[in-house]
Protein backbone atom coordinates (compact mmCIF):
# COMPACT_ATOMS: atom_id res chain seq x y z
CA MET A 1 131.54 96.34 -10.88
CA ALA A 2 128.52 94.32 -9.13
CA ALA A 3 124.97 95.97 -9.39
CA GLY A 4 124.48 98.13 -6.98
CA PRO A 5 121.22 97.65 -4.77
CA TRP A 6 119.54 100.50 -6.89
CA CYS A 7 120.17 99.16 -9.78
CA TRP A 8 117.12 100.22 -12.64
CA GLY A 9 116.35 96.46 -12.72
CA THR A 10 115.66 95.35 -8.83
CA PRO A 11 112.79 95.09 -7.02
CA ALA A 12 113.59 98.04 -4.69
CA ALA A 13 114.01 100.06 -7.61
CA LEU A 14 110.63 99.33 -9.28
CA ALA A 15 108.84 99.94 -6.00
CA ALA A 16 110.23 103.42 -5.63
CA LEU A 17 109.56 104.24 -9.02
CA LEU A 18 105.98 102.97 -8.72
CA LEU A 19 105.86 105.11 -6.06
CA LEU A 20 106.89 107.76 -7.49
CA LEU A 21 104.41 107.79 -9.72
CA LEU A 22 102.19 106.62 -7.67
CA LEU A 23 102.88 110.45 -5.75
CA LEU A 24 103.18 112.61 -9.58
CA LEU A 25 99.68 110.98 -9.72
CA GLY A 26 98.38 111.93 -6.47
CA GLY A 27 99.65 115.62 -6.74
CA ALA A 28 98.44 116.15 -10.30
CA ARG A 29 94.61 114.95 -9.39
CA ARG A 30 94.75 117.30 -6.28
CA LEU A 31 96.24 120.29 -8.06
CA ARG A 32 93.72 119.74 -10.74
CA ARG A 33 90.78 119.73 -8.57
CA GLY A 34 91.99 122.70 -6.48
CA ARG A 35 92.61 125.01 -9.50
CA ALA A 36 88.93 123.65 -10.32
CA GLY A 37 87.46 124.53 -7.16
CA SER A 38 89.46 128.40 -7.52
CA ARG A 39 87.01 129.19 -10.59
CA GLY A 40 84.78 131.31 -8.57
CA ARG A 41 87.64 133.77 -9.14
CA ALA A 42 87.50 136.45 -11.73
CA ARG A 43 89.61 135.16 -14.35
CA GLY A 44 90.61 135.34 -18.16
CA GLY A 45 92.36 138.77 -17.13
CA GLY A 46 89.64 140.59 -16.02
CA ALA A 47 87.36 138.93 -18.74
CA GLN A 48 84.16 138.81 -15.79
CA GLY A 49 81.03 139.58 -17.28
CA GLY A 50 82.53 141.23 -20.41
CA ARG A 51 82.73 139.29 -23.78
CA ALA A 52 85.80 137.10 -24.81
CA LEU A 53 86.35 135.85 -28.24
CA VAL A 54 88.04 132.47 -28.97
CA LEU A 55 89.67 132.89 -32.13
CA THR A 56 90.02 129.78 -34.55
CA ALA A 57 91.17 129.23 -38.13
CA HIS A 58 89.11 125.42 -38.24
CA PRO A 59 86.37 123.60 -37.11
CA ASP A 60 87.65 121.46 -34.15
CA ASP A 61 90.25 123.73 -33.12
CA GLU A 62 87.73 125.03 -30.21
CA ALA A 63 87.20 121.83 -28.94
CA MET A 64 90.81 120.44 -29.78
CA PHE A 65 92.96 122.83 -28.32
CA PHE A 66 90.40 125.57 -26.65
CA ALA A 67 87.69 123.71 -24.27
CA PRO A 68 89.40 124.02 -20.90
CA ALA A 69 89.33 128.45 -21.74
CA LEU A 70 85.92 128.20 -23.25
CA LEU A 71 84.17 125.81 -20.06
CA GLY A 72 86.49 128.60 -17.52
CA LEU A 73 85.26 131.77 -19.00
CA ARG A 74 82.03 130.38 -19.06
CA SER A 75 82.20 129.80 -15.84
CA ALA A 76 83.21 133.18 -15.15
CA GLY A 77 80.73 135.24 -16.82
CA ALA A 78 82.39 136.38 -19.62
CA ALA A 79 80.29 134.97 -22.46
CA PRO A 80 82.79 133.66 -25.29
CA ALA A 81 82.27 133.65 -28.71
CA VAL A 82 83.52 131.57 -31.31
CA LEU A 83 85.19 133.00 -34.69
CA CYS A 84 86.37 130.35 -36.81
CA CYS A 85 88.12 131.08 -39.53
CA SER A 86 88.09 128.84 -41.85
CA ALA A 87 84.97 126.41 -43.08
CA GLY A 88 87.93 123.61 -42.97
CA ASN A 89 87.54 122.59 -46.94
CA TYR A 90 90.39 121.20 -46.67
CA TYR A 91 88.94 117.69 -48.06
CA ASN A 92 86.04 119.27 -49.43
CA GLN A 93 83.89 118.91 -46.09
CA GLY A 94 83.17 122.42 -45.31
CA GLU A 95 79.45 122.30 -44.96
CA ILE A 96 80.00 118.69 -42.96
CA ARG A 97 82.31 120.80 -40.89
CA LYS A 98 80.59 123.86 -40.15
CA LYS A 99 77.30 122.02 -39.07
CA GLU A 100 79.75 120.09 -36.68
CA LEU A 101 81.27 123.18 -35.39
CA GLU A 102 77.72 123.96 -34.38
CA GLN A 103 76.92 120.65 -32.45
CA SER A 104 80.47 121.19 -30.39
CA CYS A 105 79.62 124.75 -29.56
CA TYR A 106 76.38 123.72 -28.09
CA VAL A 107 77.59 120.86 -25.92
CA LEU A 108 80.32 123.70 -24.74
CA GLY A 109 77.20 125.72 -23.91
CA ILE A 110 78.31 128.03 -26.77
CA PRO A 111 74.82 129.06 -28.74
CA ALA A 112 75.24 128.92 -32.39
CA SER A 113 74.43 132.84 -32.48
CA ASP A 114 77.22 133.14 -30.82
CA VAL A 115 79.86 131.23 -33.43
CA THR A 116 80.81 132.95 -36.61
CA VAL A 117 82.16 131.34 -39.65
CA ILE A 118 84.88 133.17 -42.19
CA ASP A 119 84.27 131.57 -45.41
CA HIS A 120 86.41 133.09 -47.43
CA ARG A 121 88.50 132.08 -50.51
CA ASP A 122 91.70 133.64 -49.61
CA LEU A 123 91.91 132.09 -46.17
CA PRO A 124 91.86 128.32 -47.03
CA ASP A 125 92.33 125.18 -45.20
CA ASP A 126 95.41 124.32 -46.24
CA PRO A 127 98.27 123.79 -43.12
CA ALA A 128 101.31 124.71 -46.61
CA VAL A 129 99.30 128.37 -46.83
CA GLU A 130 100.07 131.26 -44.50
CA TRP A 131 96.63 133.80 -44.87
CA ASP A 132 97.49 137.24 -45.50
CA THR A 133 97.83 139.80 -42.27
CA GLN A 134 95.84 142.50 -43.23
CA LEU A 135 92.84 140.77 -44.79
CA LEU A 136 92.73 138.92 -41.34
CA ALA A 137 93.36 141.39 -39.32
CA THR A 138 90.36 143.21 -40.42
CA LEU A 139 87.75 140.60 -40.78
CA VAL A 140 88.68 139.89 -37.03
CA LEU A 141 88.92 143.96 -36.05
CA GLU A 142 85.32 144.13 -37.73
CA HIS A 143 84.10 140.74 -35.44
CA ILE A 144 85.53 142.18 -32.28
CA GLU A 145 83.94 145.62 -32.59
CA ALA A 146 81.12 144.23 -33.68
CA LYS A 147 80.30 141.84 -30.94
CA ASN A 148 81.60 144.85 -28.03
CA ILE A 149 84.71 142.03 -27.56
CA ASN A 150 87.04 143.04 -24.70
CA LEU A 151 89.29 139.62 -24.46
CA VAL A 152 90.55 137.95 -27.62
CA LEU A 153 92.27 134.18 -27.04
CA THR A 154 94.03 132.51 -30.03
CA PHE A 155 97.44 130.30 -30.47
CA ASP A 156 100.88 131.66 -30.11
CA ALA A 157 103.34 132.13 -32.33
CA GLY A 158 104.11 128.19 -32.77
CA GLY A 159 100.20 127.22 -33.29
CA VAL A 160 100.33 124.54 -31.09
CA SER A 161 100.74 122.32 -34.14
CA GLY A 162 102.93 124.17 -36.18
CA HIS A 163 99.74 124.91 -38.36
CA ALA A 164 100.95 127.61 -41.03
CA ASN A 165 97.03 129.06 -40.16
CA HIS A 166 97.10 128.48 -36.80
CA ILE A 167 100.24 131.05 -36.51
CA SER A 168 98.85 133.23 -38.85
CA LEU A 169 96.03 134.01 -36.43
CA TYR A 170 98.59 135.01 -34.02
CA THR A 171 100.60 137.04 -36.67
CA ALA A 172 97.17 139.05 -37.27
CA VAL A 173 96.15 139.47 -33.53
CA ARG A 174 99.61 140.79 -32.67
CA TYR A 175 99.26 143.69 -35.20
CA LEU A 176 96.05 144.78 -33.85
CA HIS A 177 97.71 144.40 -30.88
CA SER A 178 100.92 146.06 -31.53
CA GLU A 179 99.46 148.80 -33.99
CA GLY A 180 97.10 149.90 -30.94
CA LYS A 181 94.59 149.03 -33.75
CA LEU A 182 91.90 147.03 -30.85
CA PRO A 183 89.27 148.86 -28.77
CA GLU A 184 90.68 150.67 -25.64
CA GLY A 185 90.67 147.61 -22.81
CA CYS A 186 90.59 144.83 -24.87
CA ARG A 187 93.20 142.20 -23.84
CA VAL A 188 95.06 139.24 -26.11
CA LEU A 189 95.95 135.50 -24.44
CA VAL A 190 97.85 133.74 -26.27
CA LEU A 191 97.83 129.47 -25.84
CA GLU A 192 100.58 128.32 -24.93
CA SER A 193 102.59 125.42 -27.39
CA VAL A 194 104.56 123.06 -25.34
CA ASN A 195 106.76 120.24 -26.12
CA LEU A 196 105.57 116.97 -27.48
CA PHE A 197 106.20 115.18 -23.94
CA ARG A 198 104.30 117.99 -22.18
CA LYS A 199 101.45 117.87 -24.88
CA TYR A 200 100.51 114.48 -24.25
CA ILE A 201 101.20 113.38 -20.66
CA SER A 202 97.15 114.52 -20.02
CA PHE A 203 95.82 115.79 -16.35
CA LEU A 204 100.10 115.04 -15.39
CA ASP A 205 101.07 118.50 -16.83
CA VAL A 206 98.92 120.31 -14.40
CA LEU A 207 101.27 120.04 -12.34
CA ILE A 208 104.53 121.52 -14.61
CA SER A 209 102.13 124.03 -15.93
CA CYS A 210 101.31 125.44 -12.26
CA LEU A 211 105.09 125.78 -11.39
CA LEU A 212 105.74 127.27 -14.66
CA PRO A 213 104.93 130.93 -15.12
CA ARG A 214 101.59 132.01 -17.43
CA ASP A 215 99.68 134.78 -16.74
CA GLU A 216 95.90 132.71 -16.65
CA LEU A 217 95.70 128.61 -16.03
CA PHE A 218 92.24 126.60 -16.81
CA VAL A 219 92.18 123.20 -15.37
CA LEU A 220 89.08 121.16 -16.19
CA THR A 221 87.66 118.78 -13.78
CA GLU A 222 87.27 115.01 -14.65
CA GLU A 223 83.47 115.68 -15.07
CA GLU A 224 84.45 119.04 -17.51
CA THR A 225 87.14 116.69 -19.82
CA GLU A 226 84.59 114.21 -20.23
CA GLN A 227 81.98 117.05 -21.44
CA ALA A 228 85.25 118.47 -23.74
CA LYS A 229 85.95 115.06 -25.28
CA ARG A 230 81.55 114.86 -26.46
CA ALA A 231 82.39 118.28 -27.85
CA MET A 232 85.70 116.56 -30.07
CA ARG A 233 83.42 113.84 -30.98
CA CYS A 234 80.65 115.97 -32.66
CA HIS A 235 83.76 116.48 -35.38
CA ARG A 236 82.65 113.04 -37.36
CA SER A 237 84.36 113.84 -39.73
CA GLN A 238 87.97 114.48 -38.37
CA LEU A 239 87.73 111.21 -35.82
CA LEU A 240 91.02 109.27 -37.00
CA TRP A 241 92.64 106.76 -35.36
CA PHE A 242 94.91 109.09 -34.32
CA ARG A 243 92.47 111.77 -32.83
CA GLN A 244 91.17 108.75 -30.71
CA LEU A 245 94.90 108.66 -29.28
CA TYR A 246 94.36 112.64 -28.64
CA LEU A 247 91.28 112.38 -26.77
CA LEU A 248 93.47 110.45 -24.63
CA PHE A 249 96.38 111.73 -23.71
CA SER A 250 96.65 115.27 -25.11
CA ARG A 251 96.96 118.02 -22.22
CA TYR A 252 94.56 120.56 -24.29
CA LEU A 253 91.51 118.85 -23.45
CA VAL A 254 92.36 118.91 -19.07
CA LEU A 255 94.17 122.54 -19.19
CA ASN A 256 94.92 126.05 -21.14
CA SER A 257 97.81 127.58 -20.10
CA LEU A 258 98.43 131.34 -21.77
CA ARG A 259 100.25 134.19 -21.84
CA LEU A 260 99.12 138.04 -22.03
CA LEU A 261 100.45 139.48 -25.70
């Protein structure tokens, strides 16, 4: 059978695909500007004027995965703090990485007084190690109570990258939540893990995320995305070639979609 007028190799089909791509790009940019322009409303599950805690596993998680939430919470007046549950010492770089964490948080507008690292021998930076739930839950709860936290953000059950330490944070916080051990009124938002395609389509995922159910969505402007990338570049010890690609393509440097526990 002869090829029809819409065969993929024809100029008409290629022009149609190009037009569709331009429409998608334009729509994603408009949505991005619209979402970023609406941040005067209360955000973060009612955390406006309260204290929010971003719970991470390693130095660089705060920039690599949670920068949109941290910047959005600051805009909403939620005074976010960071609790990092290891020094990231897998390659014996713990002391270097703790300094990089402070530098990154400074770029994100978080003072050193609101950045805490738990450097516990039983919480090693290791992608094959699941941390002890009771130990981790105890340490996290002590910090939540000491800082009067009313909103906790951390990884979901997928850990974004599947890292065992990330998933351990979710398990510990889920335990505190399900057992009613969190302070009254303290909410928990977990960062949505997405498939590989969505993970690496940058701001184009704004379109998809706006159409799907979620409890909170933080979207950065282009200027704020550059700020998030500057924070990530503070982690110089971690900037291997594949993380340079991450800086270019990751949706987590543009938006965070989260769900309430």
